[in-house]
Amino acid sequence: MRREGSALHGFGVVTLKEIADHFTSILVVVLVVLVTAVAVVVVSLGITPIKESTAEDPFLFLRLFTRSSPLALSDLLATLLVPLIAIGLGFDAVNGEHNRRTLSRILSQPIYRDALLFGKFMAGLFTLTVTFIVLWLLVIGLGLLGLGIPPNAEEMARALILLVITIFYGGFWFALALLFSIIFRSAATAVFMSIGVWLLVTFLWPLFSPQLANALTGAGDILGVLETQQAFARLSPVVLYNEIVAIVLDPSIRSTQQSMLAKMGLMLIERGAIPDAPIPLLQSVLIVWPQIVGLVAGSILMFVIGYVVFQRQEVRA
């Protein structure tokens, strides 16, 4: 049987309805308030140490994201805040309709499955975007009040890139939760699977990937070993996000190897480079362009897998 009309007929209706559900959900409201409160507290506590230790830093405003406290805001976003709020939005997006027996009623209307799934995904992405924009503006506002100096144009551009990358990073976790919501009819199973994957790629994979890389790599120069370890570690979206943030928010870093060595207490000085000299914004973006493409591709891949599974599922009244 050949369907008539656009496959996205009803997309707007589904999107608006899902957005309204998100912003009126108690769980979502609690998550947004919790995430915002934690970020505000972290930045507020870190303003004084930033002013005392990096007063001559030409990119002082960017330290709000990278040195705002013993646990930087960028680390909190990567490991905790973004994954949890995205999973909270998506773990019952589809199986909730199954459990309420409303999915068959929706699809009995002139709304195709394509429009339903695209609408749910775009509504979740819109909610994440609004949340992160509010969080980003709060950090900028607290920085203006606490530091007493406005950011320059390059600092704002780098902070804006961070916002865009964070939205795509949240889109990955939302697409993953949406996938498990499609596969599993139980919302509890979906949320536990999502949290399990989050724990695996955030805490366990960084511990196991160096051992796997060393087992497959013979003795050689330290940079060759580091490249192999990075290749394994980059299977985690958390590592991709951290590498992007490290390069974009610190203009003095010229490569991902330099960032990795800095965490080990070592320093990599490239031939002809001036230590700690900032590099242009475009150059920073080009360094992490493969990581950006990989993060966006991962989000698209999760959604496509969920789309294929959803199209093949049987829907009963």
C-alpha atoms as a PDB file:
ATOM      1  CA  MET A   1       0.000   0.000   0.000  1.00  0.00           C
ATOM      2  CA  ARG A   2       1.390   3.365  -1.048  1.00  0.00           C
ATOM      3  CA  ARG A   3       0.971   6.188   1.443  1.00  0.00           C
ATOM      4  CA  GLU A   4      -0.230   9.578   0.322  1.00  0.00           C
ATOM      5  CA  GLY A   5       1.073  13.029   1.147  1.00  0.00           C
ATOM      6  CA  SER A   6       4.257  14.053   2.920  1.00  0.00           C
ATOM      7  CA  ALA A   7       5.815  11.651   5.406  1.00  0.00           C
ATOM      8  CA  LEU A   8       6.241  14.611   7.764  1.00  0.00           C
ATOM      9  CA  HIS A   9       2.583  15.607   7.763  1.00  0.00           C
ATOM     10  CA  GLY A  10       1.735  16.406  11.381  1.00  0.00           C
ATOM     11  CA  PHE A  11       5.367  17.011  12.338  1.00  0.00           C
ATOM     12  CA  GLY A  12       4.635  20.504  13.679  1.00  0.00           C
ATOM     13  CA  VAL A  13       1.698  19.335  15.768  1.00  0.00           C
ATOM     14  CA  VAL A  14       3.708  16.528  17.361  1.00  0.00           C
ATOM     15  CA  THR A  15       6.657  18.825  18.035  1.00  0.00           C
ATOM     16  CA  LEU A  16       4.583  21.515  19.760  1.00  0.00           C
ATOM     17  CA  LYS A  17       2.713  18.934  21.828  1.00  0.00           C
ATOM     18  CA  GLU A  18       5.968  17.288  22.955  1.00  0.00           C
ATOM     19  CA  ILE A  19       7.543  20.647  23.812  1.00  0.00           C
ATOM     20  CA  ALA A  20       4.541  21.519  25.946  1.00  0.00           C
ATOM     21  CA  ASP A  21       4.791  18.135  27.683  1.00  0.00           C
ATOM     22  CA  HIS A  22       8.489  18.643  28.389  1.00  0.00           C
ATOM     23  CA  PHE A  23       8.116  22.084  29.924  1.00  0.00           C
ATOM     24  CA  THR A  24       5.183  20.994  32.102  1.00  0.00           C
ATOM     25  CA  SER A  25       6.756  17.727  33.265  1.00  0.00           C
ATOM     26  CA  ILE A  26       7.765  17.702  36.927  1.00  0.00           C
ATOM     27  CA  LEU A  27      10.797  15.505  36.187  1.00  0.00           C
ATOM     28  CA  VAL A  28      12.088  17.887  33.525  1.00  0.00           C
ATOM     29  CA  VAL A  29      11.518  20.946  35.703  1.00  0.00           C
ATOM     30  CA  VAL A  30      13.398  19.328  38.596  1.00  0.00           C
ATOM     31  CA  LEU A  31      16.287  18.314  36.327  1.00  0.00           C
ATOM     32  CA  VAL A  32      16.581  21.783  34.797  1.00  0.00           C
ATOM     33  CA  VAL A  33      16.491  23.500  38.195  1.00  0.00           C
ATOM     34  CA  LEU A  34      19.051  21.051  39.611  1.00  0.00           C
ATOM     35  CA  VAL A  35      21.416  21.422  36.652  1.00  0.00           C
ATOM     36  CA  THR A  36      21.172  25.213  36.725  1.00  0.00           C
ATOM     37  CA  ALA A  37      21.703  25.389  40.497  1.00  0.00           C
ATOM     38  CA  VAL A  38      24.777  23.163  40.380  1.00  0.00           C
ATOM     39  CA  ALA A  39      26.333  25.147  37.529  1.00  0.00           C
ATOM     40  CA  VAL A  40      25.636  28.489  39.221  1.00  0.00           C
ATOM     41  CA  VAL A  41      27.160  27.293  42.509  1.00  0.00           C
ATOM     42  CA  VAL A  42      30.267  25.960  40.746  1.00  0.00           C
ATOM     43  CA  VAL A  43      30.861  29.215  38.861  1.00  0.00           C
ATOM     44  CA  SER A  44      30.115  31.398  41.896  1.00  0.00           C
ATOM     45  CA  LEU A  45      32.603  29.533  44.077  1.00  0.00           C
ATOM     46  CA  GLY A  46      35.280  29.701  41.387  1.00  0.00           C
ATOM     47  CA  ILE A  47      35.198  33.404  40.534  1.00  0.00           C
ATOM     48  CA  THR A  48      37.485  34.502  43.392  1.00  0.00           C
ATOM     49  CA  PRO A  49      40.228  31.909  42.705  1.00  0.00           C
ATOM     50  CA  ILE A  50      40.144  32.854  39.022  1.00  0.00           C
ATOM     51  CA  LYS A  51      40.649  36.540  39.821  1.00  0.00           C
ATOM     52  CA  GLU A  52      43.534  35.776  42.180  1.00  0.00           C
ATOM     53  CA  SER A  53      45.438  33.245  40.084  1.00  0.00           C
ATOM     54  CA  THR A  54      44.930  34.413  36.492  1.00  0.00           C
ATOM     55  CA  ALA A  55      44.594  38.195  36.744  1.00  0.00           C
ATOM     56  CA  GLU A  56      46.891  38.774  33.739  1.00  0.00           C
ATOM     57  CA  ASP A  57      45.232  36.142  31.557  1.00  0.00           C
ATOM     58  CA  PRO A  58      44.006  37.685  28.269  1.00  0.00           C
ATOM     59  CA  PHE A  59      41.255  35.038  28.127  1.00  0.00           C
ATOM     60  CA  LEU A  60      40.127  35.381  31.722  1.00  0.00           C
ATOM     61  CA  PHE A  61      36.445  34.991  30.884  1.00  0.00           C
ATOM     62  CA  LEU A  62      36.955  31.521  29.408  1.00  0.00           C
ATOM     63  CA  ARG A  63      38.335  30.278  32.737  1.00  0.00           C
ATOM     64  CA  LEU A  64      34.780  30.368  34.067  1.00  0.00           C
ATOM     65  CA  PHE A  65      34.224  27.177  32.072  1.00  0.00           C
ATOM     66  CA  THR A  66      37.589  25.473  32.622  1.00  0.00           C
ATOM     67  CA  ARG A  67      38.916  26.609  36.025  1.00  0.00           C
ATOM     68  CA  SER A  68      35.798  27.679  37.898  1.00  0.00           C
ATOM     69  CA  SER A  69      36.353  25.269  40.805  1.00  0.00           C
ATOM     70  CA  PRO A  70      38.222  22.067  41.693  1.00  0.00           C
ATOM     71  CA  LEU A  71      35.761  20.417  39.301  1.00  0.00           C
ATOM     72  CA  ALA A  72      35.438  22.682  36.276  1.00  0.00           C
ATOM     73  CA  LEU A  73      32.070  23.487  34.747  1.00  0.00           C
ATOM     74  CA  SER A  74      33.114  21.888  31.450  1.00  0.00           C
ATOM     75  CA  ASP A  75      33.872  18.622  33.274  1.00  0.00           C
ATOM     76  CA  LEU A  76      30.496  18.736  35.018  1.00  0.00           C
ATOM     77  CA  LEU A  77      28.759  19.296  31.689  1.00  0.00           C
ATOM     78  CA  ALA A  78      30.598  16.402  30.048  1.00  0.00           C
ATOM     79  CA  THR A  79      30.286  13.783  32.773  1.00  0.00           C
ATOM     80  CA  LEU A  80      27.094  14.621  34.649  1.00  0.00           C
ATOM     81  CA  LEU A  81      24.797  17.500  33.746  1.00  0.00           C
ATOM     82  CA  VAL A  82      24.273  17.073  29.998  1.00  0.00           C
ATOM     83  CA  PRO A  83      23.883  13.253  29.939  1.00  0.00           C
ATOM     84  CA  LEU A  84      21.469  13.139  32.869  1.00  0.00           C
ATOM     85  CA  ILE A  85      19.099  15.826  31.631  1.00  0.00           C
ATOM     86  CA  ALA A  86      19.122  14.367  28.088  1.00  0.00           C
ATOM     87  CA  ILE A  87      18.428  10.853  29.386  1.00  0.00           C
ATOM     88  CA  GLY A  88      15.695  12.249  31.627  1.00  0.00           C
ATOM     89  CA  LEU A  89      14.012  13.763  28.582  1.00  0.00           C
ATOM     90  CA  GLY A  90      14.149  10.722  26.331  1.00  0.00           C
ATOM     91  CA  PHE A  91      13.959   7.471  28.306  1.00  0.00           C
ATOM     92  CA  ASP A  92      10.133   7.233  28.116  1.00  0.00           C
ATOM     93  CA  ALA A  93       9.477   9.148  24.899  1.00  0.00           C
ATOM     94  CA  VAL A  94       8.117   6.155  22.956  1.00  0.00           C
ATOM     95  CA  ASN A  95       7.539   3.384  25.478  1.00  0.00           C
ATOM     96  CA  GLY A  96       5.451   5.827  27.507  1.00  0.00           C
ATOM     97  CA  GLU A  97       3.058   6.029  24.566  1.00  0.00           C
ATOM     98  CA  HIS A  98       2.954   2.225  24.446  1.00  0.00           C
ATOM     99  CA  ASN A  99       2.239   1.937  28.161  1.00  0.00           C
ATOM    100  CA  ARG A 100      -0.523   4.565  28.036  1.00  0.00           C
ATOM    101  CA  ARG A 101      -1.915   2.859  24.906  1.00  0.00           C
ATOM    102  CA  THR A 102      -1.924   6.169  23.063  1.00  0.00           C
ATOM    103  CA  LEU A 103       0.517   5.291  20.278  1.00  0.00           C
ATOM    104  CA  SER A 104      -2.086   3.478  18.187  1.00  0.00           C
ATOM    105  CA  ARG A 105      -4.485   6.401  18.621  1.00  0.00           C
ATOM    106  CA  ILE A 106      -1.875   8.871  17.421  1.00  0.00           C
ATOM    107  CA  LEU A 107      -0.953   6.775  14.390  1.00  0.00           C
ATOM    108  CA  SER A 108      -4.632   6.289  13.526  1.00  0.00           C
ATOM    109  CA  GLN A 109      -4.679  10.025  12.760  1.00  0.00           C
ATOM    110  CA  PRO A 110      -3.148  11.386   9.534  1.00  0.00           C
ATOM    111  CA  ILE A 111       0.302  11.290  11.203  1.00  0.00           C
ATOM    112  CA  TYR A 112       2.984   8.947   9.914  1.00  0.00           C
ATOM    113  CA  ARG A 113       5.587   7.291  12.090  1.00  0.00           C
ATOM    114  CA  ASP A 114       8.236   9.482  10.477  1.00  0.00           C
ATOM    115  CA  ALA A 115       6.536  12.663  11.692  1.00  0.00           C
ATOM    116  CA  LEU A 116       5.962  11.208  15.160  1.00  0.00           C
ATOM    117  CA  LEU A 117       9.585  10.210  15.728  1.00  0.00           C
ATOM    118  CA  PHE A 118      11.051  13.339  14.124  1.00  0.00           C
ATOM    119  CA  GLY A 119       8.690  15.459  16.201  1.00  0.00           C
ATOM    120  CA  LYS A 120       9.730  13.787  19.447  1.00  0.00           C
ATOM    121  CA  PHE A 121      13.419  14.143  18.601  1.00  0.00           C
ATOM    122  CA  MET A 122      13.179  17.790  17.589  1.00  0.00           C
ATOM    123  CA  ALA A 123      11.090  18.626  20.654  1.00  0.00           C
ATOM    124  CA  GLY A 124      13.711  17.058  22.906  1.00  0.00           C
ATOM    125  CA  LEU A 125      16.509  18.868  21.076  1.00  0.00           C
ATOM    126  CA  PHE A 126      14.622  22.170  21.370  1.00  0.00           C
ATOM    127  CA  THR A 127      14.155  21.647  25.112  1.00  0.00           C
ATOM    128  CA  LEU A 128      17.857  20.886  25.527  1.00  0.00           C
ATOM    129  CA  THR A 129      18.734  23.974  23.489  1.00  0.00           C
ATOM    130  CA  VAL A 130      16.607  26.268  25.647  1.00  0.00           C
ATOM    131  CA  THR A 131      18.049  24.743  28.823  1.00  0.00           C
ATOM    132  CA  PHE A 132      21.662  25.140  27.723  1.00  0.00           C
ATOM    133  CA  ILE A 133      21.095  28.678  26.446  1.00  0.00           C
ATOM    134  CA  VAL A 134      19.691  29.680  29.842  1.00  0.00           C
ATOM    135  CA  LEU A 135      22.627  27.997  31.578  1.00  0.00           C
ATOM    136  CA  TRP A 136      25.118  29.686  29.224  1.00  0.00           C
ATOM    137  CA  LEU A 137      23.577  33.115  29.814  1.00  0.00           C
ATOM    138  CA  LEU A 138      23.659  32.574  33.583  1.00  0.00           C
ATOM    139  CA  VAL A 139      27.376  31.749  33.455  1.00  0.00           C
ATOM    140  CA  ILE A 140      28.090  34.802  31.293  1.00  0.00           C
ATOM    141  CA  GLY A 141      26.020  37.008  33.598  1.00  0.00           C
ATOM    142  CA  LEU A 142      27.730  35.721  36.743  1.00  0.00           C
ATOM    143  CA  GLY A 143      31.080  36.275  35.068  1.00  0.00           C
ATOM    144  CA  LEU A 144      30.225  39.880  34.282  1.00  0.00           C
ATOM    145  CA  LEU A 145      29.153  40.504  37.863  1.00  0.00           C
ATOM    146  CA  GLY A 146      31.974  38.611  39.538  1.00  0.00           C
ATOM    147  CA  LEU A 147      34.952  39.466  37.346  1.00  0.00           C
ATOM    148  CA  GLY A 148      33.897  43.009  36.574  1.00  0.00           C
ATOM    149  CA  ILE A 149      35.202  42.913  33.003  1.00  0.00           C
ATOM    150  CA  PRO A 150      33.342  42.158  29.762  1.00  0.00           C
ATOM    151  CA  PRO A 151      34.497  39.362  27.456  1.00  0.00           C
ATOM    152  CA  ASN A 152      36.123  40.314  24.175  1.00  0.00           C
ATOM    153  CA  ALA A 153      34.788  39.223  20.799  1.00  0.00           C
ATOM    154  CA  GLU A 154      36.978  36.108  20.534  1.00  0.00           C
ATOM    155  CA  GLU A 155      36.023  34.947  24.021  1.00  0.00           C
ATOM    156  CA  MET A 156      32.329  35.281  23.159  1.00  0.00           C
ATOM    157  CA  ALA A 157      32.865  33.413  19.888  1.00  0.00           C
ATOM    158  CA  ARG A 158      34.630  30.552  21.666  1.00  0.00           C
ATOM    159  CA  ALA A 159      31.935  30.435  24.360  1.00  0.00           C
ATOM    160  CA  LEU A 160      29.271  30.370  21.641  1.00  0.00           C
ATOM    161  CA  ILE A 161      30.994  27.425  19.950  1.00  0.00           C
ATOM    162  CA  LEU A 162      30.978  25.661  23.321  1.00  0.00           C
ATOM    163  CA  LEU A 163      27.216  26.210  23.521  1.00  0.00           C
ATOM    164  CA  VAL A 164      26.613  24.757  20.045  1.00  0.00           C
ATOM    165  CA  ILE A 165      28.831  21.725  20.726  1.00  0.00           C
ATOM    166  CA  THR A 166      27.076  21.148  24.056  1.00  0.00           C
ATOM    167  CA  ILE A 167      23.708  21.077  22.276  1.00  0.00           C
ATOM    168  CA  PHE A 168      24.964  18.427  19.831  1.00  0.00           C
ATOM    169  CA  TYR A 169      26.487  16.497  22.733  1.00  0.00           C
ATOM    170  CA  GLY A 170      23.134  16.562  24.505  1.00  0.00           C
ATOM    171  CA  GLY A 171      21.523  15.451  21.253  1.00  0.00           C
ATOM    172  CA  PHE A 172      23.661  12.313  21.289  1.00  0.00           C
ATOM    173  CA  TRP A 173      22.490  11.308  24.761  1.00  0.00           C
ATOM    174  CA  PHE A 174      18.887  12.164  23.951  1.00  0.00           C
ATOM    175  CA  ALA A 175      19.045  10.064  20.770  1.00  0.00           C
ATOM    176  CA  LEU A 176      20.536   7.188  22.786  1.00  0.00           C
ATOM    177  CA  ALA A 177      17.759   7.391  25.399  1.00  0.00           C
ATOM    178  CA  LEU A 178      15.194   7.618  22.591  1.00  0.00           C
ATOM    179  CA  LEU A 179      16.673   4.471  21.022  1.00  0.00           C
ATOM    180  CA  PHE A 180      16.328   2.501  24.265  1.00  0.00           C
ATOM    181  CA  SER A 181      12.824   3.907  24.679  1.00  0.00           C
ATOM    182  CA  ILE A 182      11.975   2.383  21.297  1.00  0.00           C
ATOM    183  CA  ILE A 183      13.646  -0.977  21.945  1.00  0.00           C
ATOM    184  CA  PHE A 184      12.329  -1.582  25.474  1.00  0.00           C
ATOM    185  CA  ARG A 185       8.665  -1.311  26.415  1.00  0.00           C
ATOM    186  CA  SER A 186       9.551  -0.787  30.089  1.00  0.00           C
ATOM    187  CA  ALA A 187      10.592   2.748  30.989  1.00  0.00           C
ATOM    188  CA  ALA A 188      12.652   1.421  33.921  1.00  0.00           C
ATOM    189  CA  THR A 189      14.649  -0.852  31.610  1.00  0.00           C
ATOM    190  CA  ALA A 190      15.223   1.987  29.169  1.00  0.00           C
ATOM    191  CA  VAL A 191      16.511   4.373  31.840  1.00  0.00           C
ATOM    192  CA  PHE A 192      18.749   1.714  33.407  1.00  0.00           C
ATOM    193  CA  MET A 193      20.238   0.830  30.010  1.00  0.00           C
ATOM    194  CA  SER A 194      20.837   4.504  29.241  1.00  0.00           C
ATOM    195  CA  ILE A 195      22.498   5.096  32.601  1.00  0.00           C
ATOM    196  CA  GLY A 196      24.538   1.916  32.134  1.00  0.00           C
ATOM    197  CA  VAL A 197      25.920   3.151  28.824  1.00  0.00           C
ATOM    198  CA  TRP A 198      26.612   6.548  30.397  1.00  0.00           C
ATOM    199  CA  LEU A 199      28.572   4.941  33.249  1.00  0.00           C
ATOM    200  CA  LEU A 200      30.465   2.728  30.801  1.00  0.00           C
ATOM    201  CA  VAL A 201      31.655   5.434  28.408  1.00  0.00           C
ATOM    202  CA  THR A 202      32.199   8.068  31.119  1.00  0.00           C
ATOM    203  CA  PHE A 203      33.996   6.201  33.890  1.00  0.00           C
ATOM    204  CA  LEU A 204      34.936   2.668  32.782  1.00  0.00           C
ATOM    205  CA  TRP A 205      36.047   3.112  29.165  1.00  0.00           C
ATOM    206  CA  PRO A 206      38.739   5.744  29.986  1.00  0.00           C
ATOM    207  CA  LEU A 207      40.226   3.219  32.420  1.00  0.00           C
ATOM    208  CA  PHE A 208      40.161   0.210  30.075  1.00  0.00           C
ATOM    209  CA  SER A 209      41.014   1.852  26.738  1.00  0.00           C
ATOM    210  CA  PRO A 210      44.705   2.580  27.590  1.00  0.00           C
ATOM    211  CA  GLN A 211      45.260  -1.079  28.516  1.00  0.00           C
ATOM    212  CA  LEU A 212      43.635  -2.234  25.283  1.00  0.00           C
ATOM    213  CA  ALA A 213      45.742   0.212  23.283  1.00  0.00           C
ATOM    214  CA  ASN A 214      48.957  -0.879  25.012  1.00  0.00           C
ATOM    215  CA  ALA A 215      48.139  -4.528  24.349  1.00  0.00           C
ATOM    216  CA  LEU A 216      47.865  -3.828  20.620  1.00  0.00           C
ATOM    217  CA  THR A 217      50.803  -1.423  20.379  1.00  0.00           C
ATOM    218  CA  GLY A 218      54.453  -2.374  20.574  1.00  0.00           C
ATOM    219  CA  ALA A 219      57.140  -0.370  22.293  1.00  0.00           C
ATOM    220  CA  GLY A 220      57.780   2.909  20.531  1.00  0.00           C
ATOM    221  CA  ASP A 221      57.878   6.655  20.987  1.00  0.00           C
ATOM    222  CA  ILE A 222      55.534   8.188  23.514  1.00  0.00           C
ATOM    223  CA  LEU A 223      53.606  10.148  20.894  1.00  0.00           C
ATOM    224  CA  GLY A 224      52.827   6.976  18.933  1.00  0.00           C
ATOM    225  CA  VAL A 225      51.533   5.287  22.065  1.00  0.00           C
ATOM    226  CA  LEU A 226      49.455   8.352  22.928  1.00  0.00           C
ATOM    227  CA  GLU A 227      47.914   8.432  19.448  1.00  0.00           C
ATOM    228  CA  THR A 228      46.836   4.795  19.779  1.00  0.00           C
ATOM    229  CA  GLN A 229      45.392   5.428  23.234  1.00  0.00           C
ATOM    230  CA  GLN A 230      43.524   8.472  21.949  1.00  0.00           C
ATOM    231  CA  ALA A 231      42.095   6.482  19.041  1.00  0.00           C
ATOM    232  CA  PHE A 232      40.602   3.949  21.464  1.00  0.00           C
ATOM    233  CA  ALA A 233      39.448   6.611  23.925  1.00  0.00           C
ATOM    234  CA  ARG A 234      37.632   8.542  21.186  1.00  0.00           C
ATOM    235  CA  LEU A 235      35.077   5.772  20.884  1.00  0.00           C
ATOM    236  CA  SER A 236      33.512   7.536  23.889  1.00  0.00           C
ATOM    237  CA  PRO A 237      31.493  10.711  23.149  1.00  0.00           C
ATOM    238  CA  VAL A 238      32.638  12.070  26.513  1.00  0.00           C
ATOM    239  CA  VAL A 239      36.261  12.014  25.336  1.00  0.00           C
ATOM    240  CA  LEU A 240      35.328  13.706  22.049  1.00  0.00           C
ATOM    241  CA  TYR A 241      33.472  16.449  23.910  1.00  0.00           C
ATOM    242  CA  ASN A 242      36.328  16.963  26.378  1.00  0.00           C
ATOM    243  CA  GLU A 243      38.876  17.266  23.563  1.00  0.00           C
ATOM    244  CA  ILE A 244      36.742  19.831  21.760  1.00  0.00           C
ATOM    245  CA  VAL A 245      36.245  21.868  24.920  1.00  0.00           C
ATOM    246  CA  ALA A 246      39.949  21.738  25.839  1.00  0.00           C
ATOM    247  CA  ILE A 247      41.039  23.109  22.450  1.00  0.00           C
ATOM    248  CA  VAL A 248      38.257  25.650  21.926  1.00  0.00           C
ATOM    249  CA  LEU A 249      38.373  27.163  25.421  1.00  0.00           C
ATOM    250  CA  ASP A 250      42.171  27.289  25.725  1.00  0.00           C
ATOM    251  CA  PRO A 251      43.803  29.158  22.813  1.00  0.00           C
ATOM    252  CA  SER A 252      47.289  28.194  24.048  1.00  0.00           C
ATOM    253  CA  ILE A 253      46.732  24.490  23.282  1.00  0.00           C
ATOM    254  CA  ARG A 254      47.807  23.575  19.743  1.00  0.00           C
ATOM    255  CA  SER A 255      46.980  19.865  19.617  1.00  0.00           C
ATOM    256  CA  THR A 256      45.032  17.185  21.432  1.00  0.00           C
ATOM    257  CA  GLN A 257      48.330  15.462  22.277  1.00  0.00           C
ATOM    258  CA  GLN A 258      49.445  18.616  24.058  1.00  0.00           C
ATOM    259  CA  SER A 259      46.249  18.620  26.094  1.00  0.00           C
ATOM    260  CA  MET A 260      46.685  14.948  27.012  1.00  0.00           C
ATOM    261  CA  LEU A 261      50.327  15.444  28.016  1.00  0.00           C
ATOM    262  CA  ALA A 262      49.378  18.468  30.142  1.00  0.00           C
ATOM    263  CA  LYS A 263      47.081  16.245  32.206  1.00  0.00           C
ATOM    264  CA  MET A 264      50.084  13.955  32.790  1.00  0.00           C
ATOM    265  CA  GLY A 265      52.272  16.854  33.926  1.00  0.00           C
ATOM    266  CA  LEU A 266      54.292  16.904  30.685  1.00  0.00           C
ATOM    267  CA  MET A 267      54.747  19.578  28.061  1.00  0.00           C
ATOM    268  CA  LEU A 268      54.840  19.277  24.275  1.00  0.00           C
ATOM    269  CA  ILE A 269      56.568  22.138  22.461  1.00  0.00           C
ATOM    270  CA  GLU A 270      56.197  22.006  18.693  1.00  0.00           C
ATOM    271  CA  ARG A 271      59.013  23.163  16.462  1.00  0.00           C
ATOM    272  CA  GLY A 272      58.718  26.870  15.720  1.00  0.00           C
ATOM    273  CA  ALA A 273      55.894  27.389  18.223  1.00  0.00           C
ATOM    274  CA  ILE A 274      55.989  29.984  20.995  1.00  0.00           C
ATOM    275  CA  PRO A 275      54.942  28.378  24.322  1.00  0.00           C
ATOM    276  CA  ASP A 276      51.588  29.655  25.672  1.00  0.00           C
ATOM    277  CA  ALA A 277      51.073  31.892  22.628  1.00  0.00           C
ATOM    278  CA  PRO A 278      47.364  31.910  21.662  1.00  0.00           C
ATOM    279  CA  ILE A 279      46.267  30.621  18.278  1.00  0.00           C
ATOM    280  CA  PRO A 280      43.369  32.007  16.202  1.00  0.00           C
ATOM    281  CA  LEU A 281      39.843  30.730  16.710  1.00  0.00           C
ATOM    282  CA  LEU A 282      39.632  29.203  13.227  1.00  0.00           C
ATOM    283  CA  GLN A 283      42.797  27.212  13.865  1.00  0.00           C
ATOM    284  CA  SER A 284      41.398  25.876  17.137  1.00  0.00           C
ATOM    285  CA  VAL A 285      38.232  24.750  15.366  1.00  0.00           C
ATOM    286  CA  LEU A 286      40.215  23.062  12.586  1.00  0.00           C
ATOM    287  CA  ILE A 287      42.247  21.093  15.145  1.00  0.00           C
ATOM    288  CA  VAL A 288      39.107  19.508  16.633  1.00  0.00           C
ATOM    289  CA  TRP A 289      37.029  19.418  13.450  1.00  0.00           C
ATOM    290  CA  PRO A 290      37.264  15.585  13.233  1.00  0.00           C
ATOM    291  CA  GLN A 291      35.993  15.328  16.808  1.00  0.00           C
ATOM    292  CA  ILE A 292      33.111  17.698  16.044  1.00  0.00           C
ATOM    293  CA  VAL A 293      32.139  15.677  12.971  1.00  0.00           C
ATOM    294  CA  GLY A 294      32.399  12.440  14.977  1.00  0.00           C
ATOM    295  CA  LEU A 295      30.147  13.782  17.733  1.00  0.00           C
ATOM    296  CA  VAL A 296      27.501  14.978  15.274  1.00  0.00           C
ATOM    297  CA  ALA A 297      27.752  11.717  13.309  1.00  0.00           C
ATOM    298  CA  GLY A 298      27.251   9.728  16.516  1.00  0.00           C
ATOM    299  CA  SER A 299      24.065  11.648  17.281  1.00  0.00           C
ATOM    300  CA  ILE A 300      22.746  11.043  13.764  1.00  0.00           C
ATOM    301  CA  LEU A 301      23.686   7.349  13.939  1.00  0.00           C
ATOM    302  CA  MET A 302      21.791   6.837  17.218  1.00  0.00           C
ATOM    303  CA  PHE A 303      18.703   8.488  15.762  1.00  0.00           C
ATOM    304  CA  VAL A 304      18.885   6.519  12.489  1.00  0.00           C
ATOM    305  CA  ILE A 305      19.130   3.207  14.368  1.00  0.00           C
ATOM    306  CA  GLY A 306      16.125   4.190  16.470  1.00  0.00           C
ATOM    307  CA  TYR A 307      14.239   5.267  13.341  1.00  0.00           C
ATOM    308  CA  VAL A 308      14.834   1.918  11.611  1.00  0.00           C
ATOM    309  CA  VAL A 309      13.805  -0.065  14.714  1.00  0.00           C
ATOM    310  CA  PHE A 310      10.676   2.053  15.197  1.00  0.00           C
ATOM    311  CA  GLN A 311       9.595   1.632  11.572  1.00  0.00           C
ATOM    312  CA  ARG A 312       9.822  -2.159  11.889  1.00  0.00           C
ATOM    313  CA  GLN A 313       7.897  -2.412  15.144  1.00  0.00           C
ATOM    314  CA  GLU A 314       4.322  -3.610  15.289  1.00  0.00           C
ATOM    315  CA  VAL A 315       1.889  -1.227  16.945  1.00  0.00           C
ATOM    316  CA  ARG A 316      -1.234  -2.721  18.499  1.00  0.00           C
ATOM    317  CA  ALA A 317      -4.204  -1.035  20.063  1.00  0.00           C
END
